[in-house]
Amino acid sequence: MASGSQNYPAVVESELPIGSVVTASGRVSAVHRAGEEFPELPFTDMEMVRLDNALTDATRSTKVRFNVYLGDLGNNPAAGADELFPTTPEFERSTLIAVSPNQRVVEIRSGKAVAARVNDRVAQLGVTAAVASFGAGDLIDGIVAAVRVMSAAIKAP
């Protein structure tokens, strides 16, 4: 769990590409020209919609902000997740599911305000749900499964 003594922005607005903004909820919204491919996206549009719906539903039903990170967590993945977590939106009342596919690692963190509800048992349920799909080679299904299982296990306030 991260301490609340430092507050880092999740995104630096001045470094976003032209046509991008940070919304009031902390999400990045960007324009895209019709007919152009998105560069280097790991998921299809429909997979992104599934993930977005799972994150939105989980956040609304539990009042816990769900964040997902997909990428390298460094030489020490646990320390990498610890360092990353405070940079996520609303980290004190959120949970982070950090997935490093090349390292075959899933790390879950929860903020101070929700730690009693997003406890080790809930985190383990999320990891178990994710790993089952990851083993079958389906990254998006694993992430969505983790979000859904964790949100089902968290009791709403």
N, C-alpha and C. Protein backbone atom coordinates (compact mmCIF):
# COMPACT_ATOMS: atom_id res chain seq x y z
N MET A 1 0.84 -1.16 0.00
CA MET A 1 0.00 0.00 0.00
C MET A 1 0.89 1.23 0.00
N ALA A 2 0.53 2.21 -0.79
CA ALA A 2 1.34 3.41 -0.91
C ALA A 2 0.97 4.42 0.16
N SER A 3 1.93 5.24 0.52
CA SER A 3 1.64 6.28 1.50
C SER A 3 1.01 7.46 0.81
N GLY A 4 0.28 8.25 1.54
CA GLY A 4 -0.40 9.39 0.96
C GLY A 4 0.40 10.67 1.07
N SER A 5 1.68 10.60 1.36
CA SER A 5 2.47 11.80 1.59
C SER A 5 2.85 12.51 0.30
N GLN A 6 2.82 11.80 -0.84
CA GLN A 6 3.17 12.42 -2.10
C GLN A 6 2.02 12.28 -3.07
N ASN A 7 1.84 13.29 -3.90
CA ASN A 7 0.76 13.24 -4.87
C ASN A 7 1.36 13.52 -6.25
N TYR A 8 1.40 12.53 -7.09
CA TYR A 8 1.95 12.67 -8.41
C TYR A 8 0.82 12.69 -9.42
N PRO A 9 0.92 13.49 -10.47
CA PRO A 9 -0.13 13.43 -11.50
C PRO A 9 0.03 12.14 -12.30
N ALA A 10 -1.09 11.53 -12.65
CA ALA A 10 -1.04 10.31 -13.44
C ALA A 10 -0.60 10.63 -14.86
N VAL A 11 -0.96 11.82 -15.34
CA VAL A 11 -0.62 12.22 -16.70
C VAL A 11 -0.20 13.69 -16.65
N VAL A 12 0.82 14.03 -17.38
CA VAL A 12 1.24 15.42 -17.48
C VAL A 12 0.59 15.99 -18.74
N GLU A 13 -0.40 16.87 -18.55
CA GLU A 13 -1.18 17.39 -19.67
C GLU A 13 -0.32 18.04 -20.75
N SER A 14 0.71 18.76 -20.34
CA SER A 14 1.55 19.46 -21.31
C SER A 14 2.32 18.50 -22.22
N GLU A 15 2.43 17.23 -21.83
CA GLU A 15 3.16 16.25 -22.63
C GLU A 15 2.25 15.41 -23.52
N LEU A 16 0.94 15.64 -23.45
CA LEU A 16 0.01 14.90 -24.29
C LEU A 16 0.08 15.38 -25.73
N PRO A 17 -0.21 14.50 -26.70
CA PRO A 17 -0.21 14.94 -28.09
C PRO A 17 -1.35 15.93 -28.35
N ILE A 18 -1.25 16.69 -29.43
CA ILE A 18 -2.29 17.65 -29.81
C ILE A 18 -3.60 16.90 -29.98
N GLY A 19 -4.67 17.47 -29.44
CA GLY A 19 -5.99 16.86 -29.53
C GLY A 19 -6.32 15.96 -28.36
N SER A 20 -5.46 15.96 -27.34
CA SER A 20 -5.68 15.13 -26.15
C SER A 20 -5.87 16.01 -24.93
N VAL A 21 -6.75 15.56 -24.03
CA VAL A 21 -6.99 16.28 -22.78
C VAL A 21 -7.19 15.27 -21.66
N VAL A 22 -7.03 15.74 -20.43
CA VAL A 22 -7.33 14.93 -19.26
C VAL A 22 -8.73 15.35 -18.80
N THR A 23 -9.64 14.39 -18.71
CA THR A 23 -11.00 14.70 -18.29
C THR A 23 -11.05 14.88 -16.78
N ALA A 24 -12.19 15.33 -16.28
CA ALA A 24 -12.36 15.55 -14.84
C ALA A 24 -12.16 14.27 -14.04
N SER A 25 -12.45 13.12 -14.64
CA SER A 25 -12.30 11.85 -13.94
C SER A 25 -10.87 11.34 -13.93
N GLY A 26 -9.97 12.02 -14.68
CA GLY A 26 -8.58 11.59 -14.74
C GLY A 26 -8.25 10.78 -15.97
N ARG A 27 -9.23 10.51 -16.79
CA ARG A 27 -8.98 9.76 -18.02
C ARG A 27 -8.44 10.67 -19.10
N VAL A 28 -7.71 10.11 -20.04
CA VAL A 28 -7.22 10.86 -21.19
C VAL A 28 -8.19 10.64 -22.34
N SER A 29 -8.66 11.73 -22.92
CA SER A 29 -9.53 11.66 -24.09
C SER A 29 -8.77 12.28 -25.25
N ALA A 30 -8.75 11.59 -26.39
CA ALA A 30 -7.99 12.09 -27.54
C ALA A 30 -8.79 11.93 -28.82
N VAL A 31 -8.57 12.85 -29.75
CA VAL A 31 -9.22 12.75 -31.05
C VAL A 31 -8.47 11.76 -31.91
N HIS A 32 -9.17 11.21 -32.87
CA HIS A 32 -8.57 10.27 -33.80
C HIS A 32 -9.21 10.51 -35.16
N ARG A 33 -8.40 10.67 -36.17
CA ARG A 33 -8.94 10.91 -37.51
C ARG A 33 -9.56 9.62 -38.05
N ALA A 34 -10.74 9.76 -38.59
CA ALA A 34 -11.46 8.60 -39.14
C ALA A 34 -10.63 7.94 -40.24
N GLY A 35 -10.58 6.63 -40.19
CA GLY A 35 -9.88 5.86 -41.21
C GLY A 35 -8.41 5.60 -40.93
N GLU A 36 -7.84 6.29 -39.95
CA GLU A 36 -6.43 6.06 -39.61
C GLU A 36 -6.33 4.99 -38.54
N GLU A 37 -5.31 4.16 -38.65
CA GLU A 37 -5.06 3.13 -37.65
C GLU A 37 -4.44 3.75 -36.40
N PHE A 38 -4.77 3.20 -35.24
CA PHE A 38 -4.10 3.60 -34.01
C PHE A 38 -2.74 2.91 -33.99
N PRO A 39 -1.67 3.65 -33.72
CA PRO A 39 -0.36 3.01 -33.69
C PRO A 39 -0.14 2.22 -32.40
N GLU A 40 0.40 1.03 -32.54
CA GLU A 40 0.90 0.23 -31.43
C GLU A 40 -0.09 -0.08 -30.31
N LEU A 41 -1.33 -0.30 -30.62
CA LEU A 41 -2.28 -0.66 -29.57
C LEU A 41 -2.31 -2.18 -29.42
N PRO A 42 -2.27 -2.68 -28.19
CA PRO A 42 -2.24 -4.12 -27.99
C PRO A 42 -3.61 -4.79 -28.15
N PHE A 43 -4.69 -4.00 -28.16
CA PHE A 43 -6.04 -4.56 -28.20
C PHE A 43 -6.85 -3.95 -29.32
N THR A 44 -7.85 -4.70 -29.77
CA THR A 44 -8.77 -4.19 -30.78
C THR A 44 -9.72 -3.19 -30.12
N ASP A 45 -10.45 -2.46 -30.94
CA ASP A 45 -11.43 -1.51 -30.40
C ASP A 45 -12.45 -2.22 -29.53
N MET A 46 -12.93 -3.38 -29.96
CA MET A 46 -13.94 -4.10 -29.18
C MET A 46 -13.37 -4.60 -27.85
N GLU A 47 -12.12 -5.02 -27.84
CA GLU A 47 -11.48 -5.43 -26.59
C GLU A 47 -11.35 -4.24 -25.63
N MET A 48 -11.01 -3.08 -26.18
CA MET A 48 -10.91 -1.87 -25.36
C MET A 48 -12.28 -1.49 -24.79
N VAL A 49 -13.32 -1.66 -25.58
CA VAL A 49 -14.68 -1.37 -25.09
C VAL A 49 -15.04 -2.33 -23.96
N ARG A 50 -14.70 -3.61 -24.11
CA ARG A 50 -14.96 -4.59 -23.04
C ARG A 50 -14.23 -4.21 -21.76
N LEU A 51 -12.96 -3.82 -21.89
CA LEU A 51 -12.18 -3.43 -20.73
C LEU A 51 -12.76 -2.16 -20.10
N ASP A 52 -13.08 -1.19 -20.91
CA ASP A 52 -13.65 0.06 -20.40
C ASP A 52 -14.97 -0.20 -19.67
N ASN A 53 -15.81 -1.04 -20.25
CA ASN A 53 -17.09 -1.38 -19.59
C ASN A 53 -16.86 -2.08 -18.26
N ALA A 54 -15.90 -3.01 -18.22
CA ALA A 54 -15.61 -3.72 -16.97
C ALA A 54 -15.10 -2.76 -15.90
N LEU A 55 -14.20 -1.85 -16.30
CA LEU A 55 -13.66 -0.88 -15.34
C LEU A 55 -14.75 0.07 -14.84
N THR A 56 -15.59 0.53 -15.75
CA THR A 56 -16.67 1.45 -15.37
C THR A 56 -17.66 0.76 -14.45
N ASP A 57 -18.09 -0.44 -14.82
CA ASP A 57 -19.05 -1.19 -13.99
C ASP A 57 -18.47 -1.47 -12.60
N ALA A 58 -17.21 -1.88 -12.55
CA ALA A 58 -16.57 -2.20 -11.26
C ALA A 58 -16.47 -0.97 -10.38
N THR A 59 -16.08 0.14 -10.96
CA THR A 59 -15.94 1.38 -10.19
C THR A 59 -17.29 1.86 -9.68
N ARG A 60 -18.30 1.79 -10.52
CA ARG A 60 -19.64 2.24 -10.11
C ARG A 60 -20.24 1.34 -9.02
N SER A 61 -20.06 0.05 -9.15
CA SER A 61 -20.71 -0.87 -8.20
C SER A 61 -20.00 -0.94 -6.85
N THR A 62 -18.71 -0.65 -6.81
CA THR A 62 -17.95 -0.78 -5.57
C THR A 62 -17.55 0.55 -4.95
N LYS A 63 -17.59 1.61 -5.74
CA LYS A 63 -17.09 2.93 -5.32
C LYS A 63 -15.57 2.89 -5.08
N VAL A 64 -14.91 1.92 -5.70
CA VAL A 64 -13.45 1.81 -5.69
C VAL A 64 -13.00 2.07 -7.12
N ARG A 65 -12.04 2.96 -7.30
CA ARG A 65 -11.53 3.27 -8.63
C ARG A 65 -10.62 2.13 -9.07
N PHE A 66 -10.90 1.51 -10.21
CA PHE A 66 -10.07 0.44 -10.75
C PHE A 66 -9.15 1.02 -11.83
N ASN A 67 -7.85 0.75 -11.70
CA ASN A 67 -6.85 1.17 -12.69
C ASN A 67 -6.10 -0.07 -13.17
N VAL A 68 -5.74 -0.06 -14.44
CA VAL A 68 -4.98 -1.17 -15.03
C VAL A 68 -3.72 -0.62 -15.67
N TYR A 69 -2.61 -1.29 -15.42
CA TYR A 69 -1.34 -0.96 -16.07
C TYR A 69 -0.88 -2.20 -16.80
N LEU A 70 -0.47 -2.04 -18.04
CA LEU A 70 0.05 -3.14 -18.84
C LEU A 70 1.41 -2.72 -19.37
N GLY A 71 2.46 -3.41 -18.91
CA GLY A 71 3.80 -3.08 -19.36
C GLY A 71 4.85 -3.61 -18.40
N ASP A 72 6.08 -3.30 -18.71
CA ASP A 72 7.21 -3.77 -17.91
C ASP A 72 7.21 -3.10 -16.53
N LEU A 73 7.46 -3.88 -15.50
CA LEU A 73 7.51 -3.36 -14.14
C LEU A 73 8.94 -3.28 -13.60
N GLY A 74 9.92 -3.48 -14.46
CA GLY A 74 11.32 -3.36 -14.04
C GLY A 74 11.89 -4.65 -13.48
N ASN A 75 13.13 -4.56 -13.00
CA ASN A 75 13.84 -5.74 -12.49
C ASN A 75 13.17 -6.35 -11.27
N ASN A 76 12.55 -5.52 -10.45
CA ASN A 76 11.82 -5.98 -9.28
C ASN A 76 10.36 -5.58 -9.48
N PRO A 77 9.52 -6.48 -10.03
CA PRO A 77 8.14 -6.11 -10.35
C PRO A 77 7.34 -5.59 -9.15
N ALA A 78 7.55 -6.15 -7.97
CA ALA A 78 6.81 -5.67 -6.79
C ALA A 78 7.18 -4.22 -6.50
N ALA A 79 8.45 -3.90 -6.55
CA ALA A 79 8.89 -2.52 -6.32
C ALA A 79 8.40 -1.61 -7.45
N GLY A 80 8.39 -2.13 -8.66
CA GLY A 80 7.88 -1.35 -9.79
C GLY A 80 6.41 -0.99 -9.61
N ALA A 81 5.61 -1.95 -9.14
CA ALA A 81 4.19 -1.69 -8.88
C ALA A 81 4.03 -0.70 -7.73
N ASP A 82 4.86 -0.84 -6.70
CA ASP A 82 4.82 0.11 -5.58
C ASP A 82 5.13 1.53 -6.04
N GLU A 83 6.06 1.67 -6.95
CA GLU A 83 6.44 2.99 -7.46
C GLU A 83 5.37 3.56 -8.39
N LEU A 84 4.77 2.69 -9.17
CA LEU A 84 3.75 3.11 -10.13
C LEU A 84 2.44 3.52 -9.46
N PHE A 85 2.06 2.79 -8.42
CA PHE A 85 0.73 2.98 -7.83
C PHE A 85 0.40 4.42 -7.45
N PRO A 86 1.28 5.16 -6.79
CA PRO A 86 0.92 6.54 -6.41
C PRO A 86 0.71 7.48 -7.60
N THR A 87 1.12 7.07 -8.79
CA THR A 87 0.93 7.91 -9.98
C THR A 87 -0.40 7.67 -10.66
N THR A 88 -1.17 6.71 -10.17
CA THR A 88 -2.46 6.39 -10.79
C THR A 88 -3.55 7.32 -10.25
N PRO A 89 -4.61 7.53 -11.02
CA PRO A 89 -5.68 8.42 -10.58
C PRO A 89 -6.32 7.94 -9.27
N GLU A 90 -6.54 8.88 -8.36
CA GLU A 90 -7.24 8.64 -7.10
C GLU A 90 -6.67 7.44 -6.34
N PHE A 91 -5.36 7.34 -6.29
CA PHE A 91 -4.72 6.12 -5.78
C PHE A 91 -5.14 5.75 -4.36
N GLU A 92 -5.48 6.70 -3.52
CA GLU A 92 -5.84 6.36 -2.15
C GLU A 92 -7.17 5.64 -2.04
N ARG A 93 -8.04 5.81 -3.02
CA ARG A 93 -9.32 5.12 -3.02
C ARG A 93 -9.47 4.21 -4.25
N SER A 94 -8.33 3.66 -4.67
CA SER A 94 -8.35 2.84 -5.87
C SER A 94 -7.58 1.54 -5.68
N THR A 95 -7.67 0.73 -6.71
CA THR A 95 -6.86 -0.48 -6.79
C THR A 95 -6.18 -0.49 -8.15
N LEU A 96 -4.98 -1.00 -8.18
CA LEU A 96 -4.21 -1.11 -9.41
C LEU A 96 -3.97 -2.57 -9.73
N ILE A 97 -4.29 -2.94 -10.96
CA ILE A 97 -3.94 -4.27 -11.47
C ILE A 97 -2.83 -4.03 -12.47
N ALA A 98 -1.60 -4.38 -12.09
CA ALA A 98 -0.43 -4.15 -12.94
C ALA A 98 -0.01 -5.50 -13.54
N VAL A 99 0.02 -5.55 -14.85
CA VAL A 99 0.35 -6.79 -15.56
C VAL A 99 1.60 -6.56 -16.40
N SER A 100 2.59 -7.41 -16.20
CA SER A 100 3.82 -7.37 -16.99
C SER A 100 3.91 -8.71 -17.74
N PRO A 101 3.34 -8.75 -18.95
CA PRO A 101 3.25 -10.03 -19.67
C PRO A 101 4.58 -10.71 -19.92
N ASN A 102 5.60 -9.95 -20.30
CA ASN A 102 6.89 -10.57 -20.60
C ASN A 102 7.56 -11.14 -19.36
N GLN A 103 7.24 -10.61 -18.20
CA GLN A 103 7.79 -11.12 -16.95
C GLN A 103 6.86 -12.16 -16.32
N ARG A 104 5.67 -12.31 -16.88
CA ARG A 104 4.64 -13.22 -16.36
C ARG A 104 4.31 -12.88 -14.91
N VAL A 105 4.01 -11.60 -14.69
CA VAL A 105 3.75 -11.09 -13.35
C VAL A 105 2.46 -10.30 -13.32
N VAL A 106 1.69 -10.50 -12.26
CA VAL A 106 0.51 -9.68 -11.97
C VAL A 106 0.70 -9.16 -10.55
N GLU A 107 0.64 -7.85 -10.39
CA GLU A 107 0.76 -7.21 -9.08
C GLU A 107 -0.50 -6.40 -8.84
N ILE A 108 -1.06 -6.49 -7.65
CA ILE A 108 -2.26 -5.73 -7.31
C ILE A 108 -1.96 -4.90 -6.07
N ARG A 109 -2.34 -3.63 -6.13
CA ARG A 109 -2.17 -2.71 -5.01
C ARG A 109 -3.50 -2.04 -4.71
N SER A 110 -3.70 -1.68 -3.44
CA SER A 110 -4.91 -0.94 -3.07
C SER A 110 -4.53 0.24 -2.20
N GLY A 111 -5.31 1.30 -2.30
CA GLY A 111 -5.05 2.51 -1.54
C GLY A 111 -5.55 2.43 -0.12
N LYS A 112 -5.07 3.38 0.70
CA LYS A 112 -5.41 3.42 2.12
C LYS A 112 -6.92 3.43 2.37
N ALA A 113 -7.63 4.21 1.60
CA ALA A 113 -9.05 4.40 1.84
C ALA A 113 -9.89 3.16 1.54
N VAL A 114 -9.34 2.22 0.78
CA VAL A 114 -10.11 1.02 0.41
C VAL A 114 -9.41 -0.28 0.81
N ALA A 115 -8.32 -0.19 1.55
CA ALA A 115 -7.51 -1.37 1.88
C ALA A 115 -8.29 -2.44 2.63
N ALA A 116 -9.24 -2.05 3.47
CA ALA A 116 -10.02 -3.04 4.21
C ALA A 116 -10.94 -3.82 3.28
N ARG A 117 -11.38 -3.18 2.21
CA ARG A 117 -12.28 -3.83 1.25
C ARG A 117 -11.54 -4.54 0.13
N VAL A 118 -10.43 -3.97 -0.31
CA VAL A 118 -9.59 -4.59 -1.35
C VAL A 118 -8.40 -5.20 -0.62
N ASN A 119 -8.66 -6.30 0.05
CA ASN A 119 -7.65 -6.94 0.90
C ASN A 119 -6.90 -8.04 0.12
N ASP A 120 -6.04 -8.76 0.81
CA ASP A 120 -5.25 -9.81 0.16
C ASP A 120 -6.11 -10.89 -0.47
N ARG A 121 -7.22 -11.23 0.16
CA ARG A 121 -8.11 -12.26 -0.38
C ARG A 121 -8.69 -11.80 -1.72
N VAL A 122 -9.14 -10.57 -1.80
CA VAL A 122 -9.71 -10.02 -3.03
C VAL A 122 -8.63 -9.95 -4.11
N ALA A 123 -7.44 -9.50 -3.73
CA ALA A 123 -6.34 -9.44 -4.69
C ALA A 123 -5.99 -10.82 -5.23
N GLN A 124 -5.97 -11.82 -4.36
CA GLN A 124 -5.65 -13.18 -4.80
C GLN A 124 -6.72 -13.72 -5.76
N LEU A 125 -7.97 -13.40 -5.49
CA LEU A 125 -9.04 -13.79 -6.42
C LEU A 125 -8.81 -13.17 -7.80
N GLY A 126 -8.41 -11.90 -7.82
CA GLY A 126 -8.14 -11.22 -9.09
C GLY A 126 -6.98 -11.85 -9.84
N VAL A 127 -5.91 -12.16 -9.12
CA VAL A 127 -4.75 -12.78 -9.76
C VAL A 127 -5.12 -14.15 -10.32
N THR A 128 -5.85 -14.93 -9.54
CA THR A 128 -6.25 -16.27 -9.98
C THR A 128 -7.11 -16.19 -11.25
N ALA A 129 -8.05 -15.26 -11.28
CA ALA A 129 -8.92 -15.09 -12.46
C ALA A 129 -8.09 -14.68 -13.67
N ALA A 130 -7.14 -13.78 -13.47
CA ALA A 130 -6.32 -13.30 -14.58
C ALA A 130 -5.42 -14.40 -15.13
N VAL A 131 -4.75 -15.11 -14.25
CA VAL A 131 -3.77 -16.12 -14.66
C VAL A 131 -4.42 -17.23 -15.47
N ALA A 132 -5.63 -17.60 -15.15
CA ALA A 132 -6.32 -18.66 -15.90
C ALA A 132 -6.43 -18.29 -17.37
N SER A 133 -6.82 -17.05 -17.67
CA SER A 133 -6.92 -16.61 -19.07
C SER A 133 -5.56 -16.35 -19.69
N PHE A 134 -4.63 -15.81 -18.90
CA PHE A 134 -3.29 -15.56 -19.43
C PHE A 134 -2.66 -16.86 -19.90
N GLY A 135 -2.88 -17.93 -19.15
CA GLY A 135 -2.33 -19.24 -19.52
C GLY A 135 -2.85 -19.73 -20.85
N ALA A 136 -4.07 -19.30 -21.20
CA ALA A 136 -4.66 -19.67 -22.49
C ALA A 136 -4.26 -18.68 -23.58
N GLY A 137 -3.43 -17.69 -23.23
CA GLY A 137 -2.96 -16.73 -24.22
C GLY A 137 -3.89 -15.56 -24.46
N ASP A 138 -4.83 -15.32 -23.58
CA ASP A 138 -5.80 -14.24 -23.78
C ASP A 138 -5.62 -13.16 -22.73
N LEU A 139 -4.86 -12.15 -23.06
CA LEU A 139 -4.51 -11.08 -22.14
C LEU A 139 -5.72 -10.25 -21.73
N ILE A 140 -6.52 -9.84 -22.70
CA ILE A 140 -7.66 -8.98 -22.37
C ILE A 140 -8.69 -9.72 -21.51
N ASP A 141 -8.94 -10.98 -21.82
CA ASP A 141 -9.89 -11.76 -21.00
C ASP A 141 -9.40 -11.88 -19.57
N GLY A 142 -8.10 -12.05 -19.39
CA GLY A 142 -7.55 -12.15 -18.04
C GLY A 142 -7.71 -10.87 -17.25
N ILE A 143 -7.45 -9.75 -17.88
CA ILE A 143 -7.60 -8.46 -17.19
C ILE A 143 -9.06 -8.20 -16.85
N VAL A 144 -9.94 -8.42 -17.81
CA VAL A 144 -11.38 -8.22 -17.58
C VAL A 144 -11.88 -9.17 -16.49
N ALA A 145 -11.44 -10.42 -16.52
CA ALA A 145 -11.85 -11.38 -15.49
C ALA A 145 -11.39 -10.93 -14.11
N ALA A 146 -10.15 -10.44 -14.01
CA ALA A 146 -9.64 -9.96 -12.72
C ALA A 146 -10.50 -8.81 -12.19
N VAL A 147 -10.82 -7.86 -13.05
CA VAL A 147 -11.65 -6.72 -12.64
C VAL A 147 -13.01 -7.19 -12.17
N ARG A 148 -13.63 -8.07 -12.93
CA ARG A 148 -14.98 -8.54 -12.58
C ARG A 148 -15.01 -9.36 -11.29
N VAL A 149 -14.05 -10.26 -11.14
CA VAL A 149 -14.00 -11.10 -9.94
C VAL A 149 -13.72 -10.26 -8.71
N MET A 150 -12.79 -9.32 -8.83
CA MET A 150 -12.47 -8.47 -7.70
C MET A 150 -13.66 -7.59 -7.31
N SER A 151 -14.34 -7.02 -8.31
CA SER A 151 -15.48 -6.15 -7.99
C SER A 151 -16.61 -6.95 -7.35
N ALA A 152 -16.79 -8.20 -7.78
CA ALA A 152 -17.82 -9.04 -7.17
C ALA A 152 -17.49 -9.37 -5.72
N ALA A 153 -16.20 -9.45 -5.41
CA ALA A 153 -15.77 -9.81 -4.06
C ALA A 153 -15.75 -8.62 -3.10
N ILE A 154 -15.75 -7.42 -3.65
CA ILE A 154 -15.70 -6.21 -2.82
C ILE A 154 -17.13 -5.82 -2.45
N LYS A 155 -17.35 -5.62 -1.19
CA LYS A 155 -18.68 -5.18 -0.77
C LYS A 155 -18.77 -3.67 -0.94
N ALA A 156 -19.83 -3.22 -1.57
CA ALA A 156 -20.03 -1.77 -1.77
C ALA A 156 -20.23 -1.11 -0.40
N PRO A 157 -19.81 0.16 -0.29
CA PRO A 157 -19.92 0.85 1.02
C PRO A 157 -21.37 1.07 1.44
